[in-house]
Amino acid sequence: MATFQKFTDIEAWQKARKLTFEIYEVTKRAPFSRDFELRGQIRDASVSVMSNIAEGFDRNGTAEFIHFLSIAKGSAAEVVSQLYVGLDQKYITKEEFERLFALATEVGRKIGALMRYLRKSGIRGAKFR
């Protein structure tokens, strides 16, 4: 796994950014756009994935980074759950669901892989040098 100089170097963050863009795109359209609660919740969850990766990275401690990655991974799962609601309510097509489901799942897997790597690496973070 590569060394990161900034959070934007992290592939999981890059994919989370794409997920957030895609979520915003589908939630702009009616009827999704009129369900204010679900629209807001799925947008917040997708933004939370990116934000928690960034915040955890800038904490400069591996244990804290892993903690924030765990929150980000949970938010990715929340997006998946909310996609099911969007599908069930016919706010998104089956094809959109499958594409977004795959992307959100990939983000969660990448976050999990990064967490496993950090746990095994022995890296403690910049604040402990």
Protein backbone atom coordinates (compact mmCIF):
# COMPACT_ATOMS: atom_id res chain seq x y z
CA MET A 1 0.00 0.00 0.00
CA ALA A 2 1.33 3.43 -0.94
CA THR A 3 2.27 6.19 1.46
CA PHE A 4 -0.16 9.08 1.48
CA GLN A 5 1.01 12.67 1.60
CA LYS A 6 -2.51 14.09 1.70
CA PHE A 7 -5.98 12.63 2.09
CA THR A 8 -6.77 13.27 -1.57
CA ASP A 9 -4.11 10.64 -2.41
CA ILE A 10 -6.20 7.92 -0.76
CA GLU A 11 -8.07 5.82 -3.31
CA ALA A 12 -10.96 5.22 -0.90
CA TRP A 13 -11.41 9.00 -0.57
CA GLN A 14 -11.28 9.43 -4.36
CA LYS A 15 -13.98 6.77 -4.81
CA ALA A 16 -16.03 8.31 -1.99
CA ARG A 17 -15.86 11.65 -3.79
CA LYS A 18 -17.19 9.97 -6.95
CA LEU A 19 -19.95 8.29 -4.91
CA THR A 20 -20.95 11.65 -3.43
CA PHE A 21 -21.07 13.24 -6.88
CA GLU A 22 -23.26 10.40 -8.18
CA ILE A 23 -25.58 10.55 -5.16
CA TYR A 24 -26.08 14.27 -5.65
CA GLU A 25 -26.82 13.70 -9.35
CA VAL A 26 -29.58 11.13 -8.76
CA THR A 27 -31.11 13.04 -5.86
CA LYS A 28 -31.46 16.23 -7.94
CA ARG A 29 -34.18 14.61 -10.03
CA ALA A 30 -37.82 14.18 -9.13
CA PRO A 31 -39.27 12.24 -7.43
CA PHE A 32 -36.11 11.77 -5.29
CA SER A 33 -35.63 15.54 -5.03
CA ARG A 34 -39.07 15.93 -3.39
CA ASP A 35 -38.37 13.44 -0.58
CA PHE A 36 -36.46 15.97 1.50
CA GLU A 37 -35.68 13.66 4.41
CA LEU A 38 -34.30 10.78 2.38
CA ARG A 39 -32.53 13.10 -0.04
CA GLY A 40 -30.83 14.91 2.82
CA GLN A 41 -29.97 11.73 4.67
CA ILE A 42 -28.35 9.94 1.72
CA ARG A 43 -26.43 13.07 0.76
CA ASP A 44 -25.22 13.53 4.33
CA ALA A 45 -24.15 9.90 4.52
CA SER A 46 -22.16 10.09 1.28
CA VAL A 47 -20.47 13.33 2.36
CA SER A 48 -19.71 11.71 5.72
CA VAL A 49 -17.68 9.00 4.00
CA MET A 50 -15.34 11.53 2.37
CA SER A 51 -15.24 13.80 5.40
CA ASN A 52 -14.36 11.11 7.91
CA ILE A 53 -11.53 9.77 5.74
CA ALA A 54 -10.14 13.31 5.48
CA GLU A 55 -10.59 14.12 9.17
CA GLY A 56 -9.08 10.86 10.32
CA PHE A 57 -6.07 11.29 8.06
CA ASP A 58 -5.36 14.77 9.36
CA ARG A 59 -5.50 13.62 12.99
CA ASN A 60 -1.96 12.23 12.43
CA GLY A 61 -2.48 9.24 14.70
CA THR A 62 -3.11 5.78 13.31
CA ALA A 63 -5.58 4.74 16.02
CA GLU A 64 -7.62 7.90 15.43
CA PHE A 65 -7.41 7.41 11.67
CA ILE A 66 -8.74 3.87 12.01
CA HIS A 67 -11.56 5.16 14.22
CA PHE A 68 -12.61 7.71 11.61
CA LEU A 69 -12.25 5.13 8.83
CA SER A 70 -14.66 2.93 10.79
CA ILE A 71 -17.19 5.77 10.86
CA ALA A 72 -16.68 6.32 7.11
CA LYS A 73 -17.23 2.61 6.45
CA GLY A 74 -20.47 2.76 8.43
CA SER A 75 -21.60 5.76 6.42
CA ALA A 76 -20.94 3.84 3.18
CA ALA A 77 -23.21 1.08 4.50
CA GLU A 78 -25.81 3.71 5.36
CA VAL A 79 -25.72 4.92 1.73
CA VAL A 80 -26.35 1.33 0.58
CA SER A 81 -29.32 0.97 2.91
CA GLN A 82 -30.79 4.25 1.72
CA LEU A 83 -30.29 3.22 -1.90
CA TYR A 84 -32.64 0.32 -1.18
CA VAL A 85 -35.25 2.81 0.00
CA GLY A 86 -34.75 4.85 -3.16
CA LEU A 87 -35.17 1.72 -5.27
CA ASP A 88 -38.23 0.52 -3.36
CA GLN A 89 -39.87 3.93 -3.74
CA LYS A 90 -38.99 3.96 -7.46
CA TYR A 91 -36.87 7.09 -7.04
CA ILE A 92 -34.03 5.36 -8.91
CA THR A 93 -33.96 2.69 -11.58
CA LYS A 94 -32.64 -0.81 -11.01
CA GLU A 95 -29.63 0.09 -13.18
CA GLU A 96 -28.88 3.21 -11.13
CA PHE A 97 -29.27 1.19 -7.95
CA GLU A 98 -26.86 -1.49 -9.15
CA ARG A 99 -24.25 1.08 -10.25
CA LEU A 100 -24.44 3.05 -7.00
CA PHE A 101 -24.63 -0.10 -4.88
CA ALA A 102 -21.43 -1.37 -6.53
CA LEU A 103 -19.65 1.94 -6.00
CA ALA A 104 -20.71 2.28 -2.35
CA THR A 105 -19.74 -1.34 -1.70
CA GLU A 106 -16.35 -0.79 -3.34
CA VAL A 107 -15.77 2.27 -1.17
CA GLY A 108 -16.58 0.24 1.95
CA ARG A 109 -14.20 -2.55 0.87
CA LYS A 110 -11.38 -0.09 0.19
CA ILE A 111 -11.87 1.53 3.58
CA GLY A 112 -11.84 -1.89 5.24
CA ALA A 113 -8.63 -2.84 3.42
CA LEU A 114 -6.99 0.39 4.54
CA MET A 115 -8.06 -0.25 8.13
CA ARG A 116 -6.57 -3.77 8.02
CA TYR A 117 -3.34 -2.46 6.54
CA LEU A 118 -3.00 0.24 9.19
CA ARG A 119 -3.66 -2.23 12.02
CA LYS A 120 -0.95 -4.58 10.75
CA SER A 121 1.57 -1.91 9.72
CA GLY A 122 2.77 -0.80 13.13
CA ILE A 123 2.66 2.80 11.85
CA ARG A 124 1.67 5.04 14.73
CA GLY A 125 1.30 8.36 12.89
CA ALA A 126 3.21 11.59 12.50
CA LYS A 127 2.34 12.92 15.96
CA PHE A 128 4.32 10.03 17.56
CA ARG A 129 7.63 10.59 15.75
